[in-house]
Protein backbone atom coordinates (compact mmCIF):
# COMPACT_ATOMS: atom_id res chain seq x y z
CA MET A 1 49.03 -16.71 -27.86
CA ALA A 2 48.65 -15.63 -31.83
CA GLY A 3 45.93 -13.06 -30.72
CA ALA A 4 48.67 -11.84 -27.95
CA ALA A 5 51.37 -11.56 -29.84
CA SER A 6 49.66 -9.67 -33.25
CA HIS A 7 48.63 -6.89 -30.22
CA LEU A 8 52.02 -6.53 -29.18
CA ASP A 9 53.19 -6.27 -32.95
CA SER A 10 50.69 -3.59 -33.37
CA VAL A 11 51.56 -1.58 -30.58
CA ARG A 12 55.18 -1.65 -31.01
CA ASP A 13 54.38 -0.37 -34.82
CA ASP A 14 52.09 2.75 -33.35
CA THR A 15 54.93 3.48 -30.96
CA VAL A 16 57.51 3.79 -34.05
CA ARG A 17 55.49 5.78 -36.13
CA THR A 18 54.45 8.31 -33.10
CA GLY A 19 57.76 8.07 -31.45
CA GLU A 20 56.31 7.50 -28.24
CA THR A 21 57.03 4.87 -25.65
CA SER A 22 54.24 4.26 -23.88
CA ALA A 23 54.00 0.88 -22.53
CA PRO A 24 50.87 -1.68 -24.00
CA PRO A 25 48.00 -1.50 -21.60
CA SER A 26 47.87 -4.22 -18.76
CA PRO A 27 45.42 -7.17 -18.88
CA ARG A 28 44.28 -5.60 -15.33
CA LYS A 29 43.23 -2.35 -16.49
CA ARG A 30 41.16 -4.11 -19.43
CA ARG A 31 39.22 -6.01 -17.40
CA PRO A 32 37.01 -3.32 -16.41
CA ALA A 33 36.09 -2.36 -20.24
CA ARG A 34 35.18 -6.15 -20.80
CA LYS A 35 32.87 -6.06 -17.92
CA ARG A 36 31.06 -2.97 -18.87
CA ASN A 37 30.57 -4.37 -22.41
CA THR A 38 29.06 -7.74 -21.22
CA ARG A 39 26.70 -5.92 -19.02
CA LYS A 40 25.50 -2.80 -21.56
CA PRO A 41 22.91 -5.36 -23.27
CA VAL A 42 21.49 -6.24 -20.02
CA ARG A 43 21.36 -2.33 -18.84
CA LYS A 44 19.88 -1.79 -22.64
CA VAL A 45 17.00 -4.41 -21.74
CA LEU A 46 16.34 -3.00 -18.56
CA VAL A 47 16.23 0.66 -20.17
CA LEU A 48 13.82 -0.23 -22.51
CA THR A 49 11.67 -2.23 -20.13
CA HIS A 50 11.45 0.55 -17.47
CA ARG A 51 10.61 3.06 -20.07
CA TRP A 52 8.15 1.38 -22.22
CA SER A 53 6.28 -0.18 -19.09
CA ALA A 54 6.50 3.45 -17.48
CA LEU A 55 4.77 4.89 -20.62
CA VAL A 56 2.26 2.28 -21.32
CA LEU A 57 1.09 1.56 -17.76
CA GLY A 58 2.32 4.70 -15.71
CA LEU A 59 -0.85 6.67 -15.85
CA VAL A 60 -2.64 3.77 -14.14
CA LEU A 61 0.26 4.18 -11.59
CA VAL A 62 0.16 7.52 -10.96
CA ILE A 63 -3.37 7.49 -10.28
CA VAL A 64 -3.48 5.20 -7.80
CA CYS A 65 -0.31 6.51 -6.00
CA THR A 66 -1.76 10.21 -5.99
CA SER A 67 -4.92 9.22 -4.79
CA GLY A 68 -3.18 7.52 -2.34
CA ALA A 69 -0.97 10.71 -1.32
CA ALA A 70 -4.39 12.48 -1.11
CA LEU A 71 -5.84 9.94 1.24
CA VAL A 72 -2.69 10.47 3.52
CA TYR A 73 -5.00 13.29 4.99
CA ALA A 74 -8.09 11.47 4.78
CA PRO A 75 -8.50 10.95 8.39
CA GLU A 76 -8.44 15.05 8.94
CA MET A 77 -10.64 15.40 5.94
CA MET A 78 -13.38 13.18 7.31
CA ARG A 79 -13.34 14.85 10.71
CA ALA A 80 -13.51 18.32 9.33
CA LEU A 81 -16.21 17.49 7.00
CA ASN A 82 -18.44 15.27 9.43
CA GLY A 83 -17.52 17.30 12.66
CA ASN A 84 -21.50 17.01 13.85
CA LEU A 85 -21.24 13.07 13.27
CA LEU A 86 -17.88 12.25 14.71
CA HIS A 87 -17.91 14.96 17.82
CA GLY A 88 -18.85 12.60 20.87
CA THR A 89 -18.83 13.54 24.81
CA HIS A 90 -16.24 12.00 26.87
CA SER A 91 -16.92 10.14 29.63
CA PRO A 92 -15.44 7.33 31.87
CA GLN A 93 -18.54 5.32 31.91
CA PRO A 94 -19.67 5.58 28.12
CA VAL A 95 -22.96 4.07 27.85
CA GLY A 96 -22.26 1.13 26.04
CA PHE A 97 -22.34 -0.79 22.65
CA GLU A 98 -25.98 -2.35 23.25
CA THR A 99 -27.01 0.89 24.15
CA ALA A 100 -26.06 2.42 21.32
CA GLU A 101 -27.60 -0.37 19.03
CA HIS A 102 -30.98 0.00 20.94
CA SER A 103 -30.95 3.18 20.20
CA VAL A 104 -30.76 3.39 16.31
CA GLN A 105 -32.94 0.65 16.22
CA SER A 106 -35.56 2.42 18.24
CA ALA A 107 -35.24 5.89 15.85
CA ASP A 108 -35.16 3.90 12.82
CA PRO A 109 -36.64 0.17 13.54
CA ARG A 110 -35.75 -0.33 10.06
CA PHE A 111 -31.93 -0.17 10.21
CA HIS A 112 -30.84 -3.74 11.27
CA PRO A 113 -27.14 -3.43 13.14
CA THR A 114 -24.58 -5.59 12.38
CA GLN A 115 -21.42 -3.91 13.55
CA VAL A 116 -20.99 -1.34 16.68
CA SER A 117 -17.71 0.52 16.83
CA LEU A 118 -16.36 2.98 19.13
CA LYS A 119 -13.68 5.75 18.38
CA ASN A 120 -12.90 8.98 19.85
CA ASP A 121 -16.01 8.85 22.08
CA VAL A 122 -18.83 8.16 19.21
CA TYR A 123 -20.58 4.99 18.35
CA ILE A 124 -20.67 3.87 15.09
CA VAL A 125 -23.47 1.71 13.98
CA THR A 126 -23.23 0.08 10.75
CA GLY A 127 -26.30 -1.87 8.83
CA ASP A 128 -27.00 -4.79 7.20
CA GLN A 129 -27.23 -2.60 3.57
CA PRO A 130 -23.77 -2.40 2.51
CA ALA A 131 -25.24 -0.85 -0.65
CA SER A 132 -26.71 1.92 1.02
CA GLY A 133 -23.06 2.50 2.98
CA GLU A 134 -25.42 4.39 5.48
CA GLN A 135 -24.10 4.67 9.34
CA TYR A 136 -25.55 5.82 12.37
CA PHE A 137 -23.33 7.94 14.89
CA VAL A 138 -24.16 8.03 18.85
CA ASP A 139 -22.36 10.20 21.32
CA ALA A 140 -20.74 7.73 23.90
CA GLY A 141 -21.23 10.05 26.34
CA THR A 142 -24.82 10.74 26.34
CA GLY A 143 -26.11 8.31 24.34
CA LYS A 144 -27.99 10.43 21.90
CA ILE A 145 -27.84 9.96 18.26
CA ASN A 146 -25.77 12.79 16.36
CA GLY A 147 -27.01 11.79 12.86
CA HIS A 148 -26.58 9.20 10.41
CA ALA A 149 -24.92 9.32 6.91
CA ASN A 150 -22.48 7.73 4.68
CA LEU A 151 -19.02 9.19 4.85
CA TYR A 152 -17.86 7.16 1.61
CA GLY A 153 -20.36 8.52 -0.19
CA GLY A 154 -18.32 11.74 -1.68
CA VAL A 155 -14.83 12.48 -2.84
CA ILE A 156 -13.07 10.69 -0.02
CA GLY A 157 -14.89 7.65 -0.45
CA PHE A 158 -14.09 7.55 -4.40
CA LEU A 159 -10.80 8.00 -3.35
CA VAL A 160 -10.57 5.19 -0.78
CA ASN A 161 -12.78 2.71 -3.43
CA LEU A 162 -10.55 3.86 -6.11
CA HIS A 163 -6.76 3.26 -4.07
CA ASP A 164 -8.02 0.86 -1.70
CA CYS A 165 -10.55 -1.12 -3.61
CA GLY A 166 -10.15 -0.75 -7.16
CA LEU A 167 -13.72 0.87 -7.27
CA THR A 168 -15.00 -2.52 -5.93
CA CYS A 169 -16.39 -1.73 -2.42
CA GLN A 170 -19.87 -1.21 -2.17
CA GLY A 171 -21.85 1.76 -0.53
CA TYR A 172 -18.43 3.81 -1.62
CA ALA A 173 -18.61 6.54 -4.39
CA GLY A 174 -17.51 5.33 -7.74
CA TYR A 175 -18.60 1.78 -7.29
CA GLN A 176 -18.42 -0.32 -10.45
CA PRO A 177 -20.28 -3.93 -10.21
CA TRP A 178 -18.15 -5.32 -13.12
CA LEU A 179 -15.19 -4.78 -11.20
CA ALA A 180 -16.21 -6.76 -8.21
CA ARG A 181 -16.71 -9.14 -10.16
CA PRO A 182 -14.04 -12.61 -10.21
CA SER A 183 -10.96 -12.15 -12.55
CA VAL A 184 -9.68 -14.66 -15.28
CA ILE A 185 -7.04 -15.53 -12.79
CA ALA A 186 -9.52 -15.93 -9.83
CA HIS A 187 -9.42 -19.92 -10.50
CA VAL A 188 -5.44 -20.04 -10.24
CA PRO A 189 -4.38 -21.17 -6.65
CA TRP A 190 -2.09 -18.36 -6.49
CA PHE A 191 -4.58 -15.50 -7.48
CA ALA A 192 -7.77 -17.36 -5.52
CA GLY A 193 -10.78 -15.27 -5.84
CA MET A 194 -9.20 -11.87 -7.27
CA THR A 195 -11.52 -9.47 -8.83
CA TRP A 196 -11.03 -7.01 -11.64
CA GLY A 197 -10.15 -4.30 -8.95
CA ALA A 198 -7.98 -6.77 -7.32
CA VAL A 199 -6.14 -7.23 -10.15
CA ILE A 200 -5.33 -3.53 -11.22
CA LEU A 201 -4.22 -3.11 -7.71
CA GLY A 202 -1.92 -5.93 -7.30
CA GLY A 203 -0.60 -5.48 -11.00
CA THR A 204 -0.14 -1.61 -9.94
CA GLY A 205 1.92 -3.04 -6.94
CA LEU A 206 4.20 -5.48 -9.37
CA LEU A 207 4.54 -2.34 -11.65
CA LEU A 208 5.64 -0.65 -8.88
CA LEU A 209 8.25 -2.77 -7.55
CA GLY A 210 9.75 -3.67 -10.93
CA LEU A 211 10.22 0.64 -11.74
CA ALA A 212 11.78 0.72 -8.56
CA VAL A 213 13.99 -2.12 -8.94
CA GLY A 214 14.85 -1.61 -12.22
CA GLY A 215 15.15 2.25 -11.99
CA ALA A 216 17.85 1.52 -9.14
CA ILE A 217 19.81 -0.58 -10.93
CA ILE A 218 19.62 1.71 -14.21
CA TRP A 219 20.86 4.34 -11.66
CA TRP A 220 23.73 2.89 -10.11
CA PRO A 221 26.82 5.24 -11.34
CA GLY A 222 29.49 2.70 -9.30
CA ARG A 223 31.42 3.30 -6.03
CA LYS A 224 34.13 5.59 -7.01
CA ARG A 225 31.17 7.86 -8.82
CA LEU A 226 28.09 7.59 -6.26
CA ARG A 227 28.38 11.41 -5.38
CA HIS A 228 27.47 11.90 -9.39
CA GLY A 229 23.97 10.00 -9.04
CA PHE A 230 22.90 12.76 -6.55
CA ARG A 231 23.45 15.87 -8.90
CA VAL A 232 20.94 18.04 -10.91
CA ARG A 233 22.74 20.17 -13.71
CA PHE A 234 20.82 22.85 -13.86
CA GLY A 235 21.46 25.62 -16.59
CA ARG A 236 22.59 22.94 -18.90
CA GLY A 237 19.34 22.53 -20.51
CA ARG A 238 15.87 20.78 -20.27
CA PHE A 239 17.20 17.39 -21.10
CA ALA A 240 20.21 17.47 -18.80
CA ARG A 241 18.20 19.11 -15.51
CA ASP A 242 15.03 16.50 -15.84
CA TYR A 243 17.07 13.49 -16.74
CA ASP A 244 18.84 14.41 -13.42
CA LEU A 245 15.93 14.96 -11.37
CA HIS A 246 14.29 11.71 -12.70
CA ASN A 247 17.48 9.79 -10.92
CA VAL A 248 17.83 11.70 -7.93
CA ILE A 249 13.84 12.01 -7.39
CA GLY A 250 13.55 7.82 -7.89
CA ILE A 251 16.78 6.48 -5.97
CA ILE A 252 16.03 8.87 -2.76
CA ALA A 253 12.48 7.42 -3.23
CA THR A 254 13.00 4.37 -3.96
CA PRO A 255 12.77 2.78 -0.05
CA ALA A 256 9.39 3.97 0.21
CA LEU A 257 8.20 2.93 -3.21
CA LEU A 258 9.36 -0.46 -2.52
CA VAL A 259 7.34 -0.16 0.69
CA TRP A 260 4.27 0.57 -1.14
CA ALA A 261 4.19 -1.70 -3.72
CA LEU A 262 5.12 -4.67 -1.51
CA THR A 263 2.40 -3.70 0.93
CA GLY A 264 -0.03 -3.21 -1.82
CA MET A 265 0.66 -6.52 -3.02
CA ASN A 266 0.08 -7.92 0.17
CA PHE A 267 -3.50 -6.54 0.45
CA GLU A 268 -4.34 -8.06 -3.03
CA ILE A 269 -2.71 -10.78 -4.07
CA PRO A 270 -3.17 -14.17 -1.25
CA GLN A 271 0.27 -15.97 -1.93
CA VAL A 272 2.11 -12.73 -1.11
CA SER A 273 2.03 -13.05 2.88
CA LYS A 274 2.85 -16.76 2.50
CA LEU A 275 6.11 -15.82 0.48
CA TRP A 276 6.82 -13.22 3.27
CA TYR A 277 6.42 -15.48 5.97
CA SER A 278 8.48 -18.45 4.38
CA ALA A 279 11.29 -15.77 3.41
CA THR A 280 11.60 -14.43 6.69
CA GLY A 281 10.55 -17.11 9.14
CA GLY A 282 6.92 -15.77 10.11
CA ARG A 283 4.36 -18.13 10.87
CA ALA A 284 1.29 -18.41 8.14
CA VAL A 285 -2.14 -17.61 9.33
CA ALA A 286 -4.45 -20.14 8.39
CA ASP A 287 -7.01 -20.35 6.01
CA ASP A 288 -9.96 -20.43 8.67
CA ALA A 289 -8.47 -17.97 10.72
CA TYR A 290 -11.29 -15.59 10.82
CA THR A 291 -13.99 -17.79 11.11
CA MET A 292 -15.15 -20.27 13.93
CA THR A 293 -17.60 -22.90 14.72
CA ALA A 294 -20.85 -22.29 16.90
CA SER A 295 -22.51 -24.73 18.85
CA GLY A 296 -26.06 -23.11 17.30
CA THR A 297 -27.86 -24.73 20.32
CA GLY A 298 -28.84 -23.16 23.36
CA PRO A 299 -30.53 -20.25 24.49
CA GLU A 300 -28.47 -17.13 22.86
CA ILE A 301 -26.21 -14.72 25.47
CA ALA A 302 -26.43 -11.28 26.19
CA LEU A 303 -23.96 -8.84 24.38
CA PRO A 304 -22.35 -8.03 27.72
CA THR A 305 -21.88 -11.64 28.50
CA ALA A 306 -20.30 -12.19 24.87
CA ALA A 307 -17.98 -8.99 25.83
CA ALA A 308 -16.98 -10.25 29.40
CA ALA A 309 -15.73 -13.68 28.00
CA ALA A 310 -13.74 -11.90 25.06
CA ARG A 311 -12.07 -9.26 27.46
CA ALA A 312 -11.14 -12.16 29.40
CA HIS A 313 -8.51 -13.34 26.85
CA PHE A 314 -6.90 -9.74 27.04
CA PRO A 315 -7.51 -8.30 30.70
CA ASN A 316 -5.30 -4.93 29.24
CA SER A 317 -7.73 -4.50 26.70
CA GLU A 318 -10.87 -2.30 25.74
CA ILE A 319 -13.40 -2.98 23.08
CA THR A 320 -13.30 -1.37 20.35
CA ALA A 321 -15.91 -3.16 17.57
CA VAL A 322 -18.52 -5.61 18.06
CA GLY A 323 -19.55 -7.50 15.31
CA LEU A 324 -23.62 -8.81 15.90
CA PRO A 325 -24.27 -12.36 15.10
CA ALA A 326 -26.21 -12.81 11.45
CA ALA A 327 -27.65 -15.55 9.17
CA GLY A 328 -24.86 -17.83 8.72
CA GLN A 329 -22.85 -16.23 11.53
CA ALA A 330 -23.52 -17.58 14.91
CA TYR A 331 -21.44 -15.94 16.81
CA TYR A 332 -20.15 -12.41 17.89
CA THR A 333 -16.62 -10.67 16.67
CA PHE A 334 -14.79 -8.67 18.97
CA THR A 335 -12.10 -6.02 18.13
CA LEU A 336 -10.12 -4.96 20.94
CA PHE A 337 -7.07 -2.78 21.51
CA ASP A 338 -4.80 -4.54 23.91
CA HIS A 339 -2.96 -2.11 25.72
CA GLY A 340 -0.25 -4.89 26.85
CA ALA A 341 1.03 -6.19 30.44
CA ASN A 342 2.96 -3.00 30.98
CA GLY A 343 0.50 -0.51 28.45
CA SER A 344 3.54 -0.76 26.19
CA ASN A 345 1.30 -1.53 22.97
CA ALA A 346 0.88 1.38 21.02
CA ASP A 347 -2.01 2.41 19.07
CA LEU A 348 -1.36 2.07 15.53
CA TRP A 349 -4.62 3.19 13.87
CA LYS A 350 -4.72 6.41 16.62
CA TYR A 351 -5.24 8.95 13.82
CA TYR A 352 -7.88 6.69 11.77
CA PRO A 353 -11.24 8.28 11.94
CA THR A 354 -13.29 4.98 12.50
CA TYR A 355 -11.30 2.34 13.73
CA SER A 356 -8.96 0.88 16.27
CA GLY A 357 -7.83 -2.50 17.61
CA ASN A 358 -4.78 -4.94 17.45
CA ARG A 359 -6.52 -8.44 18.66
CA TYR A 360 -9.49 -9.88 17.04
CA LEU A 361 -11.85 -12.71 18.38
CA GLY A 362 -15.02 -14.92 17.92
CA VAL A 363 -17.63 -15.72 20.80
CA ASP A 364 -20.38 -18.14 20.31
CA GLU A 365 -23.64 -16.38 20.63
CA HIS A 366 -24.87 -19.79 22.58
CA ASP A 367 -21.87 -20.67 24.97
CA ALA A 368 -19.78 -17.65 26.18
CA SER A 369 -16.87 -20.36 26.72
CA ASN A 370 -16.48 -21.12 23.36
CA VAL A 371 -13.93 -18.30 22.42
CA LYS A 372 -11.97 -18.53 19.14
CA VAL A 373 -8.80 -15.71 19.07
CA MET A 374 -8.47 -15.05 15.47
CA THR A 375 -5.58 -12.24 15.83
CA GLY A 376 -3.10 -12.25 18.81
CA PRO A 377 -0.22 -10.79 19.81
CA PRO A 378 2.42 -11.51 16.65
CA LYS A 379 4.68 -14.53 17.40
CA THR A 380 7.40 -13.09 15.39
CA LEU A 381 8.95 -9.86 14.17
CA SER A 382 7.94 -11.38 10.78
CA ASN A 383 4.31 -11.43 11.79
CA LYS A 384 4.65 -8.32 13.38
CA ILE A 385 5.90 -6.50 10.33
CA ILE A 386 3.09 -7.81 8.00
CA ASN A 387 0.21 -8.30 10.07
CA ASP A 388 0.55 -5.24 12.53
CA LEU A 389 2.52 -2.82 10.76
CA ALA A 390 2.14 -3.14 6.94
CA GLN A 391 -1.34 -1.78 6.57
CA PRO A 392 -1.65 1.42 9.37
CA THR A 393 1.87 2.33 9.78
CA LEU A 394 4.22 1.64 6.42
CA HIS A 395 1.13 1.88 4.17
CA TYR A 396 -1.71 4.40 5.28
CA GLY A 397 0.80 6.54 8.17
CA VAL A 398 -2.13 6.65 10.55
CA SER A 399 -0.03 5.73 13.32
CA VAL A 400 1.77 9.09 13.34
CA ASN A 401 0.52 12.57 13.67
CA PRO A 402 -0.40 14.65 10.55
CA TRP A 403 3.17 16.54 10.91
CA TRP A 404 4.86 13.30 10.60
CA ARG A 405 2.44 12.24 8.00
CA ALA A 406 3.77 14.54 5.52
CA VAL A 407 6.33 12.58 4.54
CA TRP A 408 4.33 9.70 3.54
CA PHE A 409 2.38 12.78 1.35
CA VAL A 410 5.55 13.98 -0.49
CA PHE A 411 6.75 10.24 -1.34
CA GLY A 412 2.96 9.57 -2.35
CA LEU A 413 3.53 12.29 -4.97
CA THR A 414 7.07 11.05 -6.23
CA PRO A 415 5.41 8.59 -9.29
CA LEU A 416 3.62 11.92 -10.72
CA ALA A 417 6.93 13.92 -10.40
CA LEU A 418 8.78 10.72 -11.93
CA MET A 419 6.00 10.70 -14.46
CA VAL A 420 6.66 13.92 -15.68
CA THR A 421 10.34 14.44 -15.73
CA GLY A 422 10.50 11.04 -17.66
CA MET A 423 7.54 12.17 -20.13
CA SER A 424 10.14 15.48 -20.58
CA THR A 425 13.12 13.60 -21.46
CA TRP A 426 11.40 10.44 -23.55
CA LEU A 427 9.92 14.09 -25.78
CA VAL A 428 13.06 15.42 -26.00
CA ARG A 429 14.58 12.14 -27.20
CA ARG A 430 12.07 11.46 -29.69
CA ARG A 431 12.45 15.25 -31.04
CA THR A 432 15.88 14.86 -31.03
CA SER A 433 15.38 11.64 -33.28
CA ARG A 434 12.98 12.97 -35.47
CA ASN A 435 15.43 15.79 -36.38
CA LYS A 436 18.22 13.67 -36.68
CA LYS A 437 16.23 11.64 -39.46
CA ALA A 438 15.24 14.72 -41.06
CA ARG A 439 18.79 15.93 -41.25
CA VAL A 440 19.85 12.57 -42.98
CA ARG A 441 17.03 12.34 -45.28
CA SER A 442 17.96 16.16 -46.40
CA ALA A 443 21.59 15.62 -46.79
CA ALA A 444 20.79 12.31 -49.16
CA SER A 445 17.98 14.14 -50.99
CA THR A 446 20.72 17.34 -51.68
CA SER A 447 23.46 14.61 -52.82
């Protein structure tokens, strides 16, 4: 009460001195000012965190995101560079996975196939030497071998290795063995088995998430001034222009950056998917979901028999890849594209050059009745988003044609644009601060 009385006395004195009769401000009008004052330190911390995390770690983020933008058109580039290998003859009766396997073994007895996949009328046969990355390509219509090569041994392979694997994928250009070793946090349950490459990629996703969320909070101008948050002051100097460009580009790209941050973290950090399931009502995938126990006794069944057992579980499907039994794995694995009962299932990997499928299961190599469905139809919307859509559609964009993928490409370049505009404004601030200090020192020395 004493404080209020002093304030009113002060207002009266000012009125007498100036001759004005304005009423003292009401408490209602002063509340926003007090609110802003309490939020100012928080905003300052956000600004400093945003600025210095971007300055210190932003280059790694830009490298990962820009390489991802380039990979948006990797399917088209790969087909252009390897047209002779990836060209097949369309036939209603392809020669079959077993025939493709035997053709390669006959041509090269030293090559031991472990997987055969079918994409765009070409069988792609992978061997048991992942370090070489060598694959054979067989025309599905004629059974003739198109040739053999490592599709990921050049620039595209390096970009894939950098963006998808953190340079830890053997057989891909740029492979670094030390990045494939377990990191210091690999023994922590939350980060079990994470390599150094996974730490870099997962950390990059976390950084992107923090910058996107923090940047949106810093940008928020309030409801009444919302339109000012989307203006760019051209003609008002470099600082004003680049500051506004940074804000506008950042807020427009925020939804895409959040999607890429979350999906990228999900690929690398084991617990992210479990957090997603618990938050959205999904059903977590069991730790042993992608392995099975085989009998290990009795005669080995042929590939066609195992394939028939696999297709029996999904009658409206076609097999797109076969994993052959190997040491320590006494079962076949099958990837299928299930069209659905009414053919409504979209091929989310349609434009990917070497893969297609939405179901995955195993068949005992000794017992065709022992079948385990490892990836079936999603049981909830939450599972559909993270299991089916996250990788091909939300992250890679290979579900849509190259024209629509231009959206992925443009937004993939926004971290680079944000780095350029952010560095520009920071350099202007730094130069202004230096000039101000120089003027203060000059004034002090002349006084």
